[in-house]
C-alpha atoms as a PDB file:
ATOM      1  CA  MET A   1     129.132-126.763 111.116  1.00  0.00           C
ATOM      2  CA  ILE A   2     128.282-124.995 108.035  1.00  0.00           C
ATOM      3  CA  LYS A   3     125.282-126.572 106.258  1.00  0.00           C
ATOM      4  CA  ARG A   4     126.683-125.855 102.539  1.00  0.00           C
ATOM      5  CA  LYS A   5     123.855-127.794 100.735  1.00  0.00           C
ATOM      6  CA  SER A   6     121.312-125.618 102.823  1.00  0.00           C
ATOM      7  CA  LEU A   7     122.849-122.345 101.729  1.00  0.00           C
ATOM      8  CA  VAL A   8     123.606-123.191  98.070  1.00  0.00           C
ATOM      9  CA  TRP A   9     119.968-124.002  97.670  1.00  0.00           C
ATOM     10  CA  PHE A  10     118.705-120.876  99.591  1.00  0.00           C
ATOM     11  CA  LEU A  11     121.161-118.784  97.570  1.00  0.00           C
ATOM     12  CA  ALA A  12     120.057-120.312  94.189  1.00  0.00           C
ATOM     13  CA  ILE A  13     116.427-119.951  94.689  1.00  0.00           C
ATOM     14  CA  THR A  14     116.751-116.542  96.392  1.00  0.00           C
ATOM     15  CA  PHE A  15     119.084-114.861  93.472  1.00  0.00           C
ATOM     16  CA  GLY A  16     116.976-116.867  90.753  1.00  0.00           C
ATOM     17  CA  MET A  17     113.308-115.470  91.913  1.00  0.00           C
ATOM     18  CA  ALA A  18     114.571-112.030  92.953  1.00  0.00           C
ATOM     19  CA  TRP A  19     116.979-111.526  89.943  1.00  0.00           C
ATOM     20  CA  ILE A  20     114.026-112.532  87.212  1.00  0.00           C
ATOM     21  CA  LEU A  21     111.448-110.026  88.917  1.00  0.00           C
ATOM     22  CA  PHE A  22     114.198-107.366  89.361  1.00  0.00           C
ATOM     23  CA  LEU A  23     114.924-107.680  85.523  1.00  0.00           C
ATOM     24  CA  LEU A  24     111.168-108.023  84.559  1.00  0.00           C
ATOM     25  CA  PRO A  25     110.886-104.267  84.141  1.00  0.00           C
ATOM     26  CA  LEU A  26     113.282-104.356  81.834  1.00  0.00           C
ATOM     27  CA  THR A  27     111.503-106.168  79.120  1.00  0.00           C
ATOM     28  CA  PHE A  28     108.830-103.422  78.968  1.00  0.00           C
ATOM     29  CA  ARG A  29     111.111-100.609  78.766  1.00  0.00           C
ATOM     30  CA  GLN A  30     111.128 -99.654  75.129  1.00  0.00           C
ATOM     31  CA  ASN A  31     107.388 -99.592  75.139  1.00  0.00           C
ATOM     32  CA  VAL A  32     107.024 -97.425  78.337  1.00  0.00           C
ATOM     33  CA  PRO A  33     107.498 -93.899  78.700  1.00  0.00           C
ATOM     34  CA  ALA A  34     110.462 -92.911  80.845  1.00  0.00           C
ATOM     35  CA  SER A  35     108.039 -91.092  83.296  1.00  0.00           C
ATOM     36  CA  ALA A  36     106.189 -94.700  84.017  1.00  0.00           C
ATOM     37  CA  ARG A  37     109.062 -96.953  84.134  1.00  0.00           C
ATOM     38  CA  GLN A  38     109.673 -96.565  88.053  1.00  0.00           C
ATOM     39  CA  LEU A  39     106.122 -97.096  88.426  1.00  0.00           C
ATOM     40  CA  MET A  40     106.227-100.316  86.659  1.00  0.00           C
ATOM     41  CA  ALA A  41     109.148-101.797  88.784  1.00  0.00           C
ATOM     42  CA  VAL A  42     107.500-101.402  91.899  1.00  0.00           C
ATOM     43  CA  TRP A  43     105.719-104.325  92.203  1.00  0.00           C
ATOM     44  CA  PRO A  44     108.031-106.638  90.636  1.00  0.00           C
ATOM     45  CA  TRP A  45     110.578-105.416  92.895  1.00  0.00           C
ATOM     46  CA  ALA A  46     108.256-105.346  95.681  1.00  0.00           C
ATOM     47  CA  LEU A  47     107.172-109.200  95.453  1.00  0.00           C
ATOM     48  CA  ALA A  48     111.451-109.699  94.722  1.00  0.00           C
ATOM     49  CA  MET A  49     111.555-108.743  98.334  1.00  0.00           C
ATOM     50  CA  TRP A  50     109.494-112.155  99.153  1.00  0.00           C
ATOM     51  CA  ALA A  51     112.253-114.337  97.243  1.00  0.00           C
ATOM     52  CA  PRO A  52     114.604-114.503 100.244  1.00  0.00           C
ATOM     53  CA  GLY A  53     111.593-115.566 102.496  1.00  0.00           C
ATOM     54  CA  VAL A  54     110.342-118.148 100.139  1.00  0.00           C
ATOM     55  CA  ALA A  55     113.864-119.811  99.775  1.00  0.00           C
ATOM     56  CA  ALA A  56     114.314-120.260 103.400  1.00  0.00           C
ATOM     57  CA  ILE A  57     110.883-121.766 103.837  1.00  0.00           C
ATOM     58  CA  ILE A  58     111.460-124.116 101.124  1.00  0.00           C
ATOM     59  CA  VAL A  59     114.959-124.667 102.136  1.00  0.00           C
ATOM     60  CA  THR A  60     114.207-125.306 105.972  1.00  0.00           C
ATOM     61  CA  THR A  61     110.765-127.723 105.434  1.00  0.00           C
ATOM     62  CA  ARG A  62     112.180-129.757 102.003  1.00  0.00           C
ATOM     63  CA  ILE A  63     115.703-129.733 102.039  1.00  0.00           C
ATOM     64  CA  ASP A  64     116.730-129.298 105.672  1.00  0.00           C
ATOM     65  CA  LYS A  65     113.438-131.190 106.743  1.00  0.00           C
ATOM     66  CA  HIS A  66     113.026-128.995 109.697  1.00  0.00           C
ATOM     67  CA  SER A  67     109.893-127.501 110.950  1.00  0.00           C
ATOM     68  CA  PHE A  68     108.494-124.310 109.730  1.00  0.00           C
ATOM     69  CA  SER A  69     108.720-122.865 113.551  1.00  0.00           C
ATOM     70  CA  THR A  70     112.548-123.224 112.866  1.00  0.00           C
ATOM     71  CA  LEU A  71     112.310-119.985 111.244  1.00  0.00           C
ATOM     72  CA  ARG A  72     110.955-118.534 114.619  1.00  0.00           C
ATOM     73  CA  LEU A  73     108.135-116.508 113.359  1.00  0.00           C
ATOM     74  CA  ASN A  74     106.247-117.820 116.378  1.00  0.00           C
ATOM     75  CA  THR A  75     109.043-116.108 118.790  1.00  0.00           C
ATOM     76  CA  LEU A  76     109.160-112.042 119.467  1.00  0.00           C
ATOM     77  CA  GLY A  77     111.664-111.979 122.161  1.00  0.00           C
ATOM     78  CA  PRO A  78     112.301-108.542 124.151  1.00  0.00           C
ATOM     79  CA  LYS A  79     109.980-106.248 123.340  1.00  0.00           C
ATOM     80  CA  ARG A  80     112.566-103.050 124.288  1.00  0.00           C
ATOM     81  CA  PHE A  81     114.285-104.053 121.038  1.00  0.00           C
ATOM     82  CA  TYR A  82     111.147-103.495 119.303  1.00  0.00           C
ATOM     83  CA  LEU A  83     111.410 -99.494 120.043  1.00  0.00           C
ATOM     84  CA  TRP A  84     114.859 -99.664 118.761  1.00  0.00           C
ATOM     85  CA  ALA A  85     113.870-101.133 115.294  1.00  0.00           C
ATOM     86  CA  TRP A  86     110.856 -98.835 115.208  1.00  0.00           C
ATOM     87  CA  PHE A  87     112.658 -95.360 116.191  1.00  0.00           C
ATOM     88  CA  LEU A  88     116.698 -96.094 115.467  1.00  0.00           C
ATOM     89  CA  PRO A  89     116.293 -95.794 111.574  1.00  0.00           C
ATOM     90  CA  THR A  90     114.716 -92.210 112.009  1.00  0.00           C
ATOM     91  CA  MET A  91     117.264 -91.529 114.584  1.00  0.00           C
ATOM     92  CA  LEU A  92     119.833 -92.336 111.927  1.00  0.00           C
ATOM     93  CA  VAL A  93     118.345 -90.556 109.242  1.00  0.00           C
ATOM     94  CA  ILE A  94     117.957 -87.338 110.968  1.00  0.00           C
ATOM     95  CA  VAL A  95     122.102 -87.466 111.608  1.00  0.00           C
ATOM     96  CA  ALA A  96     122.373 -88.060 108.067  1.00  0.00           C
ATOM     97  CA  GLY A  97     120.510 -85.354 107.009  1.00  0.00           C
ATOM     98  CA  ILE A  98     122.317 -83.163 109.006  1.00  0.00           C
ATOM     99  CA  LEU A  99     125.772 -84.633 108.202  1.00  0.00           C
ATOM    100  CA  THR A 100     124.878 -84.435 104.704  1.00  0.00           C
ATOM    101  CA  VAL A 101     124.644 -80.247 105.244  1.00  0.00           C
ATOM    102  CA  LEU A 102     127.901 -80.101 107.103  1.00  0.00           C
ATOM    103  CA  PHE A 103     129.690 -82.234 104.516  1.00  0.00           C
ATOM    104  CA  GLY A 104     128.609 -79.544 102.032  1.00  0.00           C
ATOM    105  CA  ILE A 105     126.499 -81.969  99.654  1.00  0.00           C
ATOM    106  CA  ALA A 106     123.500 -80.441  99.832  1.00  0.00           C
ATOM    107  CA  GLN A 107     121.945 -77.049 101.578  1.00  0.00           C
ATOM    108  CA  PHE A 108     119.212 -76.987 104.234  1.00  0.00           C
ATOM    109  CA  ASP A 109     115.808 -75.392 102.503  1.00  0.00           C
ATOM    110  CA  PRO A 110     113.772 -73.777 105.378  1.00  0.00           C
ATOM    111  CA  THR A 111     111.215 -72.661 102.500  1.00  0.00           C
ATOM    112  CA  PHE A 112     110.522 -76.663 101.727  1.00  0.00           C
ATOM    113  CA  GLN A 113     110.938 -75.705  97.617  1.00  0.00           C
ATOM    114  CA  LEU A 114     110.543 -79.297  96.805  1.00  0.00           C
ATOM    115  CA  ILE A 115     106.965 -79.572  98.346  1.00  0.00           C
ATOM    116  CA  ARG A 116     106.158 -76.118  96.959  1.00  0.00           C
ATOM    117  CA  ASP A 117     107.115 -77.318  93.272  1.00  0.00           C
ATOM    118  CA  SER A 118     105.403 -80.621  93.484  1.00  0.00           C
ATOM    119  CA  MET A 119     102.205 -78.712  94.863  1.00  0.00           C
ATOM    120  CA  LYS A 120     102.489 -76.506  91.942  1.00  0.00           C
ATOM    121  CA  ASN A 121      99.432 -77.881  90.217  1.00  0.00           C
ATOM    122  CA  ALA A 122      97.831 -79.205  93.141  1.00  0.00           C
ATOM    123  CA  PRO A 123      93.898 -77.527  93.722  1.00  0.00           C
ATOM    124  CA  GLY A 124      93.683 -75.155  96.808  1.00  0.00           C
ATOM    125  CA  ALA A 125      97.658 -75.753  97.009  1.00  0.00           C
ATOM    126  CA  ALA A 126      98.601 -71.886  97.292  1.00  0.00           C
ATOM    127  CA  ASN A 127      96.351 -71.887 100.674  1.00  0.00           C
ATOM    128  CA  ILE A 128      98.263 -75.009 102.304  1.00  0.00           C
ATOM    129  CA  ASN A 129     101.339 -74.222 104.269  1.00  0.00           C
ATOM    130  CA  PRO A 130     104.220 -76.807 103.045  1.00  0.00           C
ATOM    131  CA  LEU A 131     105.001 -76.968 106.837  1.00  0.00           C
ATOM    132  CA  ILE A 132     101.943 -78.926 107.304  1.00  0.00           C
ATOM    133  CA  VAL A 133     102.360 -81.340 104.279  1.00  0.00           C
ATOM    134  CA  VAL A 134     105.860 -81.839 105.409  1.00  0.00           C
ATOM    135  CA  ALA A 135     104.960 -82.718 108.993  1.00  0.00           C
ATOM    136  CA  ALA A 136     102.248 -84.839 108.009  1.00  0.00           C
ATOM    137  CA  GLN A 137     104.777 -86.659 105.506  1.00  0.00           C
ATOM    138  CA  ALA A 138     107.105 -87.138 108.519  1.00  0.00           C
ATOM    139  CA  ALA A 139     104.620 -88.181 110.889  1.00  0.00           C
ATOM    140  CA  ILE A 140     103.088 -91.079 108.658  1.00  0.00           C
ATOM    141  CA  ALA A 141     106.561 -91.911 107.565  1.00  0.00           C
ATOM    142  CA  ILE A 142     107.807 -92.467 111.343  1.00  0.00           C
ATOM    143  CA  LEU A 143     104.715 -93.758 112.912  1.00  0.00           C
ATOM    144  CA  LEU A 144     102.590 -95.521 110.199  1.00  0.00           C
ATOM    145  CA  ALA A 145     104.606 -96.437 107.338  1.00  0.00           C
ATOM    146  CA  PRO A 146     106.810 -99.211 109.216  1.00  0.00           C
ATOM    147  CA  PHE A 147     104.301-101.036 109.877  1.00  0.00           C
ATOM    148  CA  LEU A 148     102.674-101.350 106.176  1.00  0.00           C
ATOM    149  CA  ASN A 149     106.112-101.782 104.891  1.00  0.00           C
ATOM    150  CA  MET A 150     106.262-104.747 107.371  1.00  0.00           C
ATOM    151  CA  LEU A 151     104.377-107.020 104.689  1.00  0.00           C
ATOM    152  CA  PHE A 152     107.386-107.180 102.367  1.00  0.00           C
ATOM    153  CA  ALA A 153     110.255-106.617 104.523  1.00  0.00           C
ATOM    154  CA  LEU A 154     109.239-109.676 106.440  1.00  0.00           C
ATOM    155  CA  GLY A 155     110.031-111.525 103.247  1.00  0.00           C
ATOM    156  CA  GLU A 156     113.631-110.443 103.112  1.00  0.00           C
ATOM    157  CA  GLU A 157     113.995-110.720 106.825  1.00  0.00           C
ATOM    158  CA  ILE A 158     112.867-114.396 107.152  1.00  0.00           C
ATOM    159  CA  GLY A 159     115.438-115.060 104.443  1.00  0.00           C
ATOM    160  CA  TRP A 160     118.382-113.090 105.417  1.00  0.00           C
ATOM    161  CA  ARG A 161     118.342-112.741 109.397  1.00  0.00           C
ATOM    162  CA  GLY A 162     116.057-115.671 109.973  1.00  0.00           C
ATOM    163  CA  PHE A 163     117.624-118.366 107.732  1.00  0.00           C
ATOM    164  CA  LEU A 164     121.201-116.957 106.428  1.00  0.00           C
ATOM    165  CA  LEU A 165     122.671-115.444 109.632  1.00  0.00           C
ATOM    166  CA  PRO A 166     122.171-118.283 111.566  1.00  0.00           C
ATOM    167  CA  HIS A 167     123.421-120.740 109.302  1.00  0.00           C
ATOM    168  CA  LEU A 168     126.666-118.732 108.977  1.00  0.00           C
ATOM    169  CA  LEU A 169     127.071-118.461 112.773  1.00  0.00           C
ATOM    170  CA  PRO A 170     129.488-121.063 113.152  1.00  0.00           C
ATOM    171  CA  LEU A 171     132.014-118.880 111.150  1.00  0.00           C
ATOM    172  CA  GLY A 172     131.837-116.331 114.248  1.00  0.00           C
ATOM    173  CA  GLN A 173     129.461-113.472 114.972  1.00  0.00           C
ATOM    174  CA  TRP A 174     131.423-110.619 113.109  1.00  0.00           C
ATOM    175  CA  LYS A 175     132.006-112.986 110.138  1.00  0.00           C
ATOM    176  CA  ALA A 176     128.068-114.275 110.056  1.00  0.00           C
ATOM    177  CA  LEU A 177     127.136-110.232 110.072  1.00  0.00           C
ATOM    178  CA  ILE A 178     129.312-109.264 107.491  1.00  0.00           C
ATOM    179  CA  ILE A 179     128.869-111.948 105.082  1.00  0.00           C
ATOM    180  CA  THR A 180     125.416-111.979 105.359  1.00  0.00           C
ATOM    181  CA  GLY A 181     125.761-108.194 104.544  1.00  0.00           C
ATOM    182  CA  ILE A 182     127.462-108.610 101.477  1.00  0.00           C
ATOM    183  CA  ILE A 183     125.438-111.095  99.941  1.00  0.00           C
ATOM    184  CA  TRP A 184     122.382-109.124 100.595  1.00  0.00           C
ATOM    185  CA  GLY A 185     123.942-106.266  98.940  1.00  0.00           C
ATOM    186  CA  ILE A 186     125.112-108.105  95.947  1.00  0.00           C
ATOM    187  CA  TRP A 187     121.246-109.238  95.857  1.00  0.00           C
ATOM    188  CA  HIS A 188     120.237-105.790  95.077  1.00  0.00           C
ATOM    189  CA  ALA A 189     122.520-105.581  92.035  1.00  0.00           C
ATOM    190  CA  PRO A 190     119.889-105.770  89.016  1.00  0.00           C
ATOM    191  CA  ALA A 191     118.139-103.072  90.891  1.00  0.00           C
ATOM    192  CA  ILE A 192     120.826-100.696  91.431  1.00  0.00           C
ATOM    193  CA  ALA A 193     121.958-101.044  88.166  1.00  0.00           C
ATOM    194  CA  GLN A 194     118.813 -99.693  86.896  1.00  0.00           C
ATOM    195  CA  GLY A 195     119.112 -96.722  89.218  1.00  0.00           C
ATOM    196  CA  LEU A 196     117.531 -97.751  92.368  1.00  0.00           C
ATOM    197  CA  ASN A 197     119.377 -95.625  95.259  1.00  0.00           C
ATOM    198  CA  TYR A 198     122.276 -94.421  93.610  1.00  0.00           C
ATOM    199  CA  PRO A 199     120.917 -92.929  89.863  1.00  0.00           C
ATOM    200  CA  GLY A 200     123.735 -92.286  87.417  1.00  0.00           C
ATOM    201  CA  TYR A 201     125.778 -94.479  89.146  1.00  0.00           C
ATOM    202  CA  PRO A 202     124.878 -98.140  87.765  1.00  0.00           C
ATOM    203  CA  VAL A 203     128.352-100.030  88.770  1.00  0.00           C
ATOM    204  CA  LEU A 204     129.584 -97.740  91.915  1.00  0.00           C
ATOM    205  CA  GLY A 205     126.319 -97.934  93.128  1.00  0.00           C
ATOM    206  CA  ILE A 206     126.667-101.719  93.510  1.00  0.00           C
ATOM    207  CA  PHE A 207     129.841-101.428  95.971  1.00  0.00           C
ATOM    208  CA  MET A 208     128.073 -98.623  97.592  1.00  0.00           C
ATOM    209  CA  MET A 209     125.022-100.444  98.231  1.00  0.00           C
ATOM    210  CA  ILE A 210     127.172-103.462  99.659  1.00  0.00           C
ATOM    211  CA  VAL A 211     128.787-101.029 102.120  1.00  0.00           C
ATOM    212  CA  PHE A 212     125.540 -99.922 103.418  1.00  0.00           C
ATOM    213  CA  CYS A 213     123.974-103.534 103.436  1.00  0.00           C
ATOM    214  CA  VAL A 214     127.012-104.746 105.609  1.00  0.00           C
ATOM    215  CA  LEU A 215     126.452-101.669 107.957  1.00  0.00           C
ATOM    216  CA  LEU A 216     122.829-101.848 108.242  1.00  0.00           C
ATOM    217  CA  GLY A 217     122.785-105.967 108.615  1.00  0.00           C
ATOM    218  CA  ILE A 218     125.239-105.684 111.574  1.00  0.00           C
ATOM    219  CA  ILE A 219     122.916-103.333 113.185  1.00  0.00           C
ATOM    220  CA  PHE A 220     119.556-105.587 111.930  1.00  0.00           C
ATOM    221  CA  GLY A 221     121.600-108.615 113.185  1.00  0.00           C
ATOM    222  CA  TRP A 222     122.109-106.862 116.659  1.00  0.00           C
ATOM    223  CA  LEU A 223     118.622-107.065 116.909  1.00  0.00           C
ATOM    224  CA  TYR A 224     118.048-110.544 115.458  1.00  0.00           C
ATOM    225  CA  LEU A 225     120.324-111.839 117.844  1.00  0.00           C
ATOM    226  CA  ASN A 226     119.000-110.352 121.038  1.00  0.00           C
ATOM    227  CA  THR A 227     115.232-111.160 119.938  1.00  0.00           C
ATOM    228  CA  ARG A 228     116.301-114.524 117.743  1.00  0.00           C
ATOM    229  CA  SER A 229     113.028-113.195 115.971  1.00  0.00           C
ATOM    230  CA  PRO A 230     112.704-112.110 112.197  1.00  0.00           C
ATOM    231  CA  TRP A 231     109.981-109.721 113.356  1.00  0.00           C
ATOM    232  CA  THR A 232     112.118-107.289 115.239  1.00  0.00           C
ATOM    233  CA  THR A 233     114.157-106.909 111.882  1.00  0.00           C
ATOM    234  CA  ALA A 234     111.240-106.911 109.801  1.00  0.00           C
ATOM    235  CA  LEU A 235     109.786-103.827 111.847  1.00  0.00           C
ATOM    236  CA  ALA A 236     113.734-102.175 111.632  1.00  0.00           C
ATOM    237  CA  HIS A 237     113.548-103.096 107.973  1.00  0.00           C
ATOM    238  CA  GLY A 238     110.151-101.499 107.192  1.00  0.00           C
ATOM    239  CA  ALA A 239     111.138 -98.495 109.162  1.00  0.00           C
ATOM    240  CA  VAL A 240     114.129 -98.046 107.294  1.00  0.00           C
ATOM    241  CA  ASN A 241     112.321 -98.083 104.019  1.00  0.00           C
ATOM    242  CA  ALA A 242     109.739 -95.640 105.258  1.00  0.00           C
ATOM    243  CA  VAL A 243     112.179 -92.690 106.446  1.00  0.00           C
ATOM    244  CA  ALA A 244     115.091 -93.175 104.070  1.00  0.00           C
ATOM    245  CA  GLY A 245     114.613 -90.328 102.121  1.00  0.00           C
ATOM    246  CA  LEU A 246     113.163 -88.004 104.726  1.00  0.00           C
ATOM    247  CA  PRO A 247     115.925 -85.431 104.592  1.00  0.00           C
ATOM    248  CA  VAL A 248     115.227 -84.806 100.998  1.00  0.00           C
ATOM    249  CA  LEU A 249     112.024 -82.759 102.188  1.00  0.00           C
ATOM    250  CA  PHE A 250     114.328 -80.653 104.314  1.00  0.00           C
ATOM    251  CA  LEU A 251     116.893 -79.672 101.535  1.00  0.00           C
ATOM    252  CA  LYS A 252     117.358 -77.675  98.172  1.00  0.00           C
ATOM    253  CA  PRO A 253     116.348 -79.424  95.011  1.00  0.00           C
ATOM    254  CA  GLY A 254     119.487 -80.153  92.776  1.00  0.00           C
ATOM    255  CA  PHE A 255     121.627 -81.989  94.877  1.00  0.00           C
ATOM    256  CA  ASN A 256     123.073 -85.555  93.932  1.00  0.00           C
ATOM    257  CA  MET A 257     121.229 -87.966  95.804  1.00  0.00           C
ATOM    258  CA  ALA A 258     123.629 -90.854  95.354  1.00  0.00           C
ATOM    259  CA  PHE A 259     126.002 -88.975  97.889  1.00  0.00           C
ATOM    260  CA  GLY A 260     123.847 -87.717 100.282  1.00  0.00           C
ATOM    261  CA  GLY A 261     120.350 -87.052 101.889  1.00  0.00           C
ATOM    262  CA  THR A 262     119.456 -90.720 102.293  1.00  0.00           C
ATOM    263  CA  LEU A 263     120.141 -93.320 104.467  1.00  0.00           C
ATOM    264  CA  ALA A 264     121.799 -95.171 101.759  1.00  0.00           C
ATOM    265  CA  THR A 265     124.606 -92.510 101.363  1.00  0.00           C
ATOM    266  CA  PHE A 266     127.738 -91.974 102.626  1.00  0.00           C
ATOM    267  CA  PRO A 267     126.304 -89.555 105.572  1.00  0.00           C
ATOM    268  CA  ALA A 268     124.283 -92.402 107.167  1.00  0.00           C
ATOM    269  CA  TRP A 269     127.332 -94.624 106.798  1.00  0.00           C
ATOM    270  CA  VAL A 270     129.309 -92.436 109.224  1.00  0.00           C
ATOM    271  CA  ALA A 271     126.074 -92.332 111.457  1.00  0.00           C
ATOM    272  CA  MET A 272     125.917 -96.335 111.385  1.00  0.00           C
ATOM    273  CA  ILE A 273     129.435 -96.694 112.144  1.00  0.00           C
ATOM    274  CA  ALA A 274     128.873 -94.567 115.126  1.00  0.00           C
ATOM    275  CA  PHE A 275     126.399 -96.697 116.353  1.00  0.00           C
ATOM    276  CA  ILE A 276     127.950 -99.778 115.797  1.00  0.00           C
ATOM    277  CA  GLY A 277     131.033 -98.395 117.414  1.00  0.00           C
ATOM    278  CA  TRP A 278     128.870 -97.755 120.626  1.00  0.00           C
ATOM    279  CA  LEU A 279     127.383-101.154 120.764  1.00  0.00           C
ATOM    280  CA  VAL A 280     130.938-102.654 120.603  1.00  0.00           C
ATOM    281  CA  VAL A 281     132.198-100.168 123.254  1.00  0.00           C
ATOM    282  CA  SER A 282     128.973-100.735 125.506  1.00  0.00           C
ATOM    283  CA  LYS A 283     129.816-104.772 124.981  1.00  0.00           C
ATOM    284  CA  ARG A 284     126.476-105.152 123.444  1.00  0.00           C
ATOM    285  CA  LEU A 285     128.118-106.605 120.210  1.00  0.00           C
ATOM    286  CA  PRO A 286     128.794-109.241 119.569  1.00  0.00           C
ATOM    287  CA  VAL A 287     125.714-110.606 121.678  1.00  0.00           C
ATOM    288  CA  GLU A 288     125.893-113.292 124.039  1.00  0.00           C
ATOM    289  CA  ILE A 289     124.243-116.202 122.791  1.00  0.00           C
ATOM    290  CA  ARG A 290     123.262-119.631 124.886  1.00  0.00           C
ATOM    291  CA  GLN A 291     123.674-122.701 123.860  1.00  0.00           C
ATOM    292  CA  GLY A 292     122.680-125.165 126.968  1.00  0.00           C
ATOM    293  CA  ALA A 293     125.477-123.933 129.542  1.00  0.00           C
ATOM    294  CA  ASN A 294     127.494-122.278 127.632  1.00  0.00           C
ATOM    295  CA  VAL A 295     127.809-118.347 126.211  1.00  0.00           C
ATOM    296  CA  ILE A 296     128.806-117.707 122.755  1.00  0.00           C
ATOM    297  CA  THR A 297     129.930-114.467 121.912  1.00  0.00           C
ATOM    298  CA  SER A 298     132.613-115.072 118.902  1.00  0.00           C
END
């Protein structure tokens, strides 16, 4: 049975807190140089990632009168899914980069011109091999950054997967996964309208973000339902934020980043759809959820 009151309170707090923070950089827009606007947005937007988590904690403990442990932060689940959470985003982004080139959206750049341009004014840059810089950035993004990014990603995952998804499960797994993804995508709207992920497409970008969040949300939901822990999806979310733009390092500058080169764009959708298809064909999705003696997969 759907708890409508809980959901209404959760959504009101989540959207209210986050959208204020998402829109906060606009108040400084007139007094800040264009080059500094994105930097000004970093901290409000990072704090906004904790709005779903704060809402989930408030509603769980104050509205539903349940224990904080209901959000399952004291649960890890099967460890093998943490390997999926850690490395699957990298595999998806590699496929996305390859498809970006195959679809003709961008060209592979073996000279790493983007890195050369960014290093142009750095002391001693002429003596540094750009391949070493690219390898170092990729290694940090894949191996270290996912764990650093978890600090903020956990806030979203406590809310979206730890609270919202379980509350929607009475509708059935597929409906719960898709609705969670749609809400997650709409939640990003103020940031997308300001140029996040799809620069130059403030309206179309919102709809593209919804598609991206539905597909990624299904994968995150698969991880959560197998572990019943927001820690897995927080790691996966942190990994996505870390590696999403890695293909750009290997592509010639000047292509339209709203349509390729990152995990949020069409080529990556193809990769995610293929992975979801494999989950379905291999009967890994929907996930078997045991409630007492019953197994629920719908």
